Amino acid sequence: MSATGEKFLAGTVVRTGVLRIRLRAPCRPTESPAKVKLAVLNLFPDARFAREEGEIEAESSSFDRLRDRIRAQKIRDSARHALRAGVDGHRIRFALNKQAAYVGRVNFGANSPLGDIVVDLEIEDPEALIDAIAESTTRPPPTPLG
């Protein structure tokens, strides 16, 4: 992935058009804000934090680590499903389990008692972004002969 949000595939350029990556995670009174930040940083290492009172807010410019973890964990199809479910116009919203993120894992299971990391992606082309984060593991059906 280049710095301009371009992904090079077999000699072609796919423009993902990420405009903004916003991250929010609640920080309960029993949790350490530093550990909640670490959970965010494990999946978005370039996150810049803006607010900390009861909720950690951050912005990131890259989803490379998230994509790498999805590939390493071999959960691309699950990730595609979760990302597609969150498409709303030019935005994708999804939740990541905060405890899993703390240990560097991606888990799209939401509704944790401690709260989740909510990711908002503002993008030009949601389908291209989904392909860039978690490309399909299934092949297209063969074209009929003749």
Foldseek 3Di string as FASTA:
>chain_A
DDLQQWDDDPNDIQRWFWPWKKKKWFADPVHDQVLLVLLVCLQAVQWDWDDDDRMTITIGSDRVSLLVQCVVVVPLVVLLVQQVVQDDPQKGKAWFASVCSSVNHTDRDADDPRHTIIIMIGGDDSVSNSCVSRNDPDDDDDDDDD
